[in-house]
Amino acid sequence: MLQKTQKYHFVKLLVLFLILPFLFISMQANDAALTYSKDDKKLEWGPCPPFIPTGCQIAVLHGDPAKNNLDVFFKVPENFAIPHHWHTSAERMVLVSGKLKVTYDNHETELLKPGMYAYGPAKLPHTAFCEKGDPCVLFIAFEEPLDAFEVMKAAN
């Protein structure tokens, strides 16, 4: 038979294990739900890395660019070339508007149309081109902090 102090500790642990899952769920609920459209007036558009020509913009949808698990909208005007570059993080993407040709090194060029999903492996260099018509807005989910590194052309 359990002694009084053992019984007390057992009940305390039992209550703790029963309550902890509910505390965790309630902590998760404090992370506010949100929605954005590509034209949302609440979006704060900022510049892209300097190696990408003027006209490129990024808006943070959720997360911190310096931390893991970041969601952004990436926007470029029509008829716009995105230079050869790579990211430390893998990218999970959905094209929201426009038509975007994406070419990863040693892969066939893919034409993304609105609603199409694409996955870009970490550190795999790529280029992109937003075709004539509408501006391209791409939703991107980064697994690791946001970065982009230009692939420099070899000197002849």
C-alpha atoms as a PDB file:
ATOM      1  CA  MET A   1       0.000   0.000   0.000  1.00  0.00           C
ATOM      2  CA  LEU A   2       1.226   3.516  -0.844  1.00  0.00           C
ATOM      3  CA  GLN A   3       2.249   5.788   1.973  1.00  0.00           C
ATOM      4  CA  LYS A   4       0.591   9.190   2.324  1.00  0.00           C
ATOM      5  CA  THR A   5       3.504  11.162   0.738  1.00  0.00           C
ATOM      6  CA  GLN A   6       3.834   8.645  -2.085  1.00  0.00           C
ATOM      7  CA  LYS A   7       0.107   8.922  -2.722  1.00  0.00           C
ATOM      8  CA  TYR A   8       0.389  12.722  -2.795  1.00  0.00           C
ATOM      9  CA  HIS A   9       3.253  12.620  -5.349  1.00  0.00           C
ATOM     10  CA  PHE A  10       1.407  10.059  -7.456  1.00  0.00           C
ATOM     11  CA  VAL A  11      -1.746  12.228  -7.555  1.00  0.00           C
ATOM     12  CA  LYS A  12       0.354  15.323  -8.310  1.00  0.00           C
ATOM     13  CA  LEU A  13       2.055  13.570 -11.249  1.00  0.00           C
ATOM     14  CA  LEU A  14      -1.245  12.193 -12.505  1.00  0.00           C
ATOM     15  CA  VAL A  15      -2.827  15.662 -12.474  1.00  0.00           C
ATOM     16  CA  LEU A  16       0.258  17.153 -14.143  1.00  0.00           C
ATOM     17  CA  PHE A  17       0.160  14.597 -16.977  1.00  0.00           C
ATOM     18  CA  LEU A  18      -3.571  15.127 -17.443  1.00  0.00           C
ATOM     19  CA  ILE A  19      -3.292  18.938 -17.534  1.00  0.00           C
ATOM     20  CA  LEU A  20      -0.074  19.350 -19.581  1.00  0.00           C
ATOM     21  CA  PRO A  21      -1.617  18.424 -22.938  1.00  0.00           C
ATOM     22  CA  PHE A  22      -4.358  21.025 -22.440  1.00  0.00           C
ATOM     23  CA  LEU A  23      -1.800  23.695 -21.496  1.00  0.00           C
ATOM     24  CA  PHE A  24       0.169  22.913 -24.644  1.00  0.00           C
ATOM     25  CA  ILE A  25      -2.961  23.174 -26.794  1.00  0.00           C
ATOM     26  CA  SER A  26      -3.938  26.488 -25.207  1.00  0.00           C
ATOM     27  CA  MET A  27      -0.410  27.861 -25.755  1.00  0.00           C
ATOM     28  CA  GLN A  28      -0.714  26.935 -29.430  1.00  0.00           C
ATOM     29  CA  ALA A  29      -4.086  28.708 -29.609  1.00  0.00           C
ATOM     30  CA  ASN A  30      -2.382  31.999 -28.661  1.00  0.00           C
ATOM     31  CA  ASP A  31      -0.694  31.972 -32.091  1.00  0.00           C
ATOM     32  CA  ALA A  32      -3.332  34.035 -33.908  1.00  0.00           C
ATOM     33  CA  ALA A  33      -4.918  32.722 -37.086  1.00  0.00           C
ATOM     34  CA  LEU A  34      -4.503  35.008 -40.076  1.00  0.00           C
ATOM     35  CA  THR A  35      -5.182  35.284 -43.778  1.00  0.00           C
ATOM     36  CA  TYR A  36      -3.681  37.380 -46.566  1.00  0.00           C
ATOM     37  CA  SER A  37      -4.372  37.883 -50.245  1.00  0.00           C
ATOM     38  CA  LYS A  38      -1.637  38.983 -52.636  1.00  0.00           C
ATOM     39  CA  ASP A  39      -3.246  42.454 -52.767  1.00  0.00           C
ATOM     40  CA  ASP A  40      -3.872  42.818 -49.031  1.00  0.00           C
ATOM     41  CA  LYS A  41      -3.312  46.397 -47.830  1.00  0.00           C
ATOM     42  CA  LYS A  42      -1.921  45.052 -44.512  1.00  0.00           C
ATOM     43  CA  LEU A  43       1.102  43.514 -46.242  1.00  0.00           C
ATOM     44  CA  GLU A  44       4.396  45.307 -45.715  1.00  0.00           C
ATOM     45  CA  TRP A  45       6.468  44.851 -48.869  1.00  0.00           C
ATOM     46  CA  GLY A  46      10.226  45.184 -48.574  1.00  0.00           C
ATOM     47  CA  PRO A  47      13.184  44.872 -50.920  1.00  0.00           C
ATOM     48  CA  CYS A  48      14.777  41.676 -52.153  1.00  0.00           C
ATOM     49  CA  PRO A  49      18.510  40.930 -51.873  1.00  0.00           C
ATOM     50  CA  PRO A  50      20.637  43.502 -53.777  1.00  0.00           C
ATOM     51  CA  PHE A  51      21.666  41.095 -56.570  1.00  0.00           C
ATOM     52  CA  ILE A  52      18.023  40.859 -57.723  1.00  0.00           C
ATOM     53  CA  PRO A  53      17.050  43.811 -59.965  1.00  0.00           C
ATOM     54  CA  THR A  54      14.757  46.600 -58.803  1.00  0.00           C
ATOM     55  CA  GLY A  55      11.104  45.600 -58.906  1.00  0.00           C
ATOM     56  CA  CYS A  56      11.401  42.526 -56.702  1.00  0.00           C
ATOM     57  CA  GLN A  57       9.594  42.650 -53.353  1.00  0.00           C
ATOM     58  CA  ILE A  58       9.090  40.369 -50.341  1.00  0.00           C
ATOM     59  CA  ALA A  59       6.329  40.476 -47.711  1.00  0.00           C
ATOM     60  CA  VAL A  60       6.589  38.407 -44.538  1.00  0.00           C
ATOM     61  CA  LEU A  61       3.325  36.560 -43.935  1.00  0.00           C
ATOM     62  CA  HIS A  62       4.244  34.634 -40.810  1.00  0.00           C
ATOM     63  CA  GLY A  63       7.398  34.141 -38.784  1.00  0.00           C
ATOM     64  CA  ASP A  64      10.704  35.922 -38.419  1.00  0.00           C
ATOM     65  CA  PRO A  65      13.172  36.029 -41.356  1.00  0.00           C
ATOM     66  CA  ALA A  66      16.024  35.312 -38.934  1.00  0.00           C
ATOM     67  CA  LYS A  67      14.377  32.154 -37.550  1.00  0.00           C
ATOM     68  CA  ASN A  68      13.153  28.787 -38.828  1.00  0.00           C
ATOM     69  CA  ASN A  69       9.722  28.323 -40.443  1.00  0.00           C
ATOM     70  CA  LEU A  70       9.076  31.534 -42.332  1.00  0.00           C
ATOM     71  CA  ASP A  71       6.300  32.190 -44.871  1.00  0.00           C
ATOM     72  CA  VAL A  72       6.596  34.984 -47.436  1.00  0.00           C
ATOM     73  CA  PHE A  73       5.089  36.354 -50.610  1.00  0.00           C
ATOM     74  CA  PHE A  74       7.772  36.974 -53.253  1.00  0.00           C
ATOM     75  CA  LYS A  75       6.642  39.376 -55.993  1.00  0.00           C
ATOM     76  CA  VAL A  76       8.233  40.424 -59.290  1.00  0.00           C
ATOM     77  CA  PRO A  77       6.800  42.310 -62.262  1.00  0.00           C
ATOM     78  CA  GLU A  78       6.003  40.621 -65.569  1.00  0.00           C
ATOM     79  CA  ASN A  79       8.883  39.995 -67.989  1.00  0.00           C
ATOM     80  CA  PHE A  80      11.360  39.835 -65.084  1.00  0.00           C
ATOM     81  CA  ALA A  81      14.450  37.622 -64.715  1.00  0.00           C
ATOM     82  CA  ILE A  82      15.473  36.373 -61.277  1.00  0.00           C
ATOM     83  CA  PRO A  83      19.251  35.792 -61.303  1.00  0.00           C
ATOM     84  CA  HIS A  84      21.018  32.507 -60.579  1.00  0.00           C
ATOM     85  CA  HIS A  85      21.012  31.973 -56.794  1.00  0.00           C
ATOM     86  CA  TRP A  86      20.564  29.468 -53.976  1.00  0.00           C
ATOM     87  CA  HIS A  87      19.188  29.326 -50.422  1.00  0.00           C
ATOM     88  CA  THR A  88      20.410  27.507 -47.313  1.00  0.00           C
ATOM     89  CA  SER A  89      16.825  26.347 -46.764  1.00  0.00           C
ATOM     90  CA  ALA A  90      14.586  24.154 -48.823  1.00  0.00           C
ATOM     91  CA  GLU A  91      11.624  26.057 -50.317  1.00  0.00           C
ATOM     92  CA  ARG A  92       7.998  24.955 -50.530  1.00  0.00           C
ATOM     93  CA  MET A  93       6.201  27.177 -53.030  1.00  0.00           C
ATOM     94  CA  VAL A  94       2.793  27.828 -54.574  1.00  0.00           C
ATOM     95  CA  LEU A  95       2.399  30.295 -57.426  1.00  0.00           C
ATOM     96  CA  VAL A  96      -0.386  32.746 -56.608  1.00  0.00           C
ATOM     97  CA  SER A  97      -0.390  34.817 -59.810  1.00  0.00           C
ATOM     98  CA  GLY A  98       1.439  35.146 -63.125  1.00  0.00           C
ATOM     99  CA  LYS A  99       3.382  32.480 -65.006  1.00  0.00           C
ATOM    100  CA  LEU A 100       6.834  31.653 -63.689  1.00  0.00           C
ATOM    101  CA  LYS A 101       9.499  29.559 -65.403  1.00  0.00           C
ATOM    102  CA  VAL A 102      11.800  27.975 -62.825  1.00  0.00           C
ATOM    103  CA  THR A 103      15.034  26.178 -63.661  1.00  0.00           C
ATOM    104  CA  TYR A 104      17.029  24.306 -61.012  1.00  0.00           C
ATOM    105  CA  ASP A 105      20.553  23.302 -61.991  1.00  0.00           C
ATOM    106  CA  ASN A 106      20.592  19.916 -63.767  1.00  0.00           C
ATOM    107  CA  HIS A 107      16.765  19.855 -63.998  1.00  0.00           C
ATOM    108  CA  GLU A 108      14.295  20.631 -66.755  1.00  0.00           C
ATOM    109  CA  THR A 109      12.673  24.084 -66.748  1.00  0.00           C
ATOM    110  CA  GLU A 110       9.184  23.992 -65.264  1.00  0.00           C
ATOM    111  CA  LEU A 111       6.421  26.477 -66.050  1.00  0.00           C
ATOM    112  CA  LEU A 112       4.440  27.249 -62.916  1.00  0.00           C
ATOM    113  CA  LYS A 113       0.877  28.505 -63.317  1.00  0.00           C
ATOM    114  CA  PRO A 114      -1.352  29.849 -60.516  1.00  0.00           C
ATOM    115  CA  GLY A 115      -2.140  27.178 -57.970  1.00  0.00           C
ATOM    116  CA  MET A 116       0.865  24.975 -58.834  1.00  0.00           C
ATOM    117  CA  TYR A 117       3.147  23.680 -56.083  1.00  0.00           C
ATOM    118  CA  ALA A 118       6.933  23.408 -56.388  1.00  0.00           C
ATOM    119  CA  TYR A 119       9.644  22.188 -54.044  1.00  0.00           C
ATOM    120  CA  GLY A 120      13.205  23.484 -54.189  1.00  0.00           C
ATOM    121  CA  PRO A 121      15.862  21.502 -52.308  1.00  0.00           C
ATOM    122  CA  ALA A 122      18.237  23.338 -49.975  1.00  0.00           C
ATOM    123  CA  LYS A 123      21.386  24.763 -51.596  1.00  0.00           C
ATOM    124  CA  LEU A 124      20.302  23.873 -55.152  1.00  0.00           C
ATOM    125  CA  PRO A 125      21.020  26.866 -57.444  1.00  0.00           C
ATOM    126  CA  HIS A 126      18.195  28.060 -59.668  1.00  0.00           C
ATOM    127  CA  THR A 127      16.896  30.860 -61.872  1.00  0.00           C
ATOM    128  CA  ALA A 128      13.380  32.021 -62.630  1.00  0.00           C
ATOM    129  CA  PHE A 129      11.596  34.195 -65.158  1.00  0.00           C
ATOM    130  CA  CYS A 130       8.173  35.818 -64.776  1.00  0.00           C
ATOM    131  CA  GLU A 131       6.562  35.740 -68.209  1.00  0.00           C
ATOM    132  CA  LYS A 132       4.776  38.645 -69.876  1.00  0.00           C
ATOM    133  CA  GLY A 133       1.208  39.106 -68.687  1.00  0.00           C
ATOM    134  CA  ASP A 134       0.686  39.467 -64.944  1.00  0.00           C
ATOM    135  CA  PRO A 135       3.158  40.081 -62.133  1.00  0.00           C
ATOM    136  CA  CYS A 136       4.288  36.876 -60.430  1.00  0.00           C
ATOM    137  CA  VAL A 137       3.465  36.399 -56.767  1.00  0.00           C
ATOM    138  CA  LEU A 138       4.917  33.282 -55.217  1.00  0.00           C
ATOM    139  CA  PHE A 139       4.119  31.958 -51.748  1.00  0.00           C
ATOM    140  CA  ILE A 140       7.305  30.487 -50.256  1.00  0.00           C
ATOM    141  CA  ALA A 141       7.674  28.567 -46.999  1.00  0.00           C
ATOM    142  CA  PHE A 142      11.282  28.452 -45.813  1.00  0.00           C
ATOM    143  CA  GLU A 143      12.348  25.791 -43.317  1.00  0.00           C
ATOM    144  CA  GLU A 144      15.430  27.709 -42.170  1.00  0.00           C
ATOM    145  CA  PRO A 145      16.139  31.464 -41.825  1.00  0.00           C
ATOM    146  CA  LEU A 146      15.721  33.492 -45.008  1.00  0.00           C
ATOM    147  CA  ASP A 147      18.805  33.984 -47.141  1.00  0.00           C
ATOM    148  CA  ALA A 148      19.741  34.105 -50.818  1.00  0.00           C
ATOM    149  CA  PHE A 149      23.190  33.855 -52.359  1.00  0.00           C
ATOM    150  CA  GLU A 150      24.008  34.883 -55.903  1.00  0.00           C
ATOM    151  CA  VAL A 151      25.797  32.308 -58.040  1.00  0.00           C
ATOM    152  CA  MET A 152      28.695  34.199 -59.504  1.00  0.00           C
ATOM    153  CA  LYS A 153      29.592  33.639 -63.157  1.00  0.00           C
ATOM    154  CA  ALA A 154      32.975  32.034 -63.749  1.00  0.00           C
ATOM    155  CA  ALA A 155      35.621  34.382 -65.100  1.00  0.00           C
ATOM    156  CA  ASN A 156      36.762  33.560 -68.656  1.00  0.00           C
END
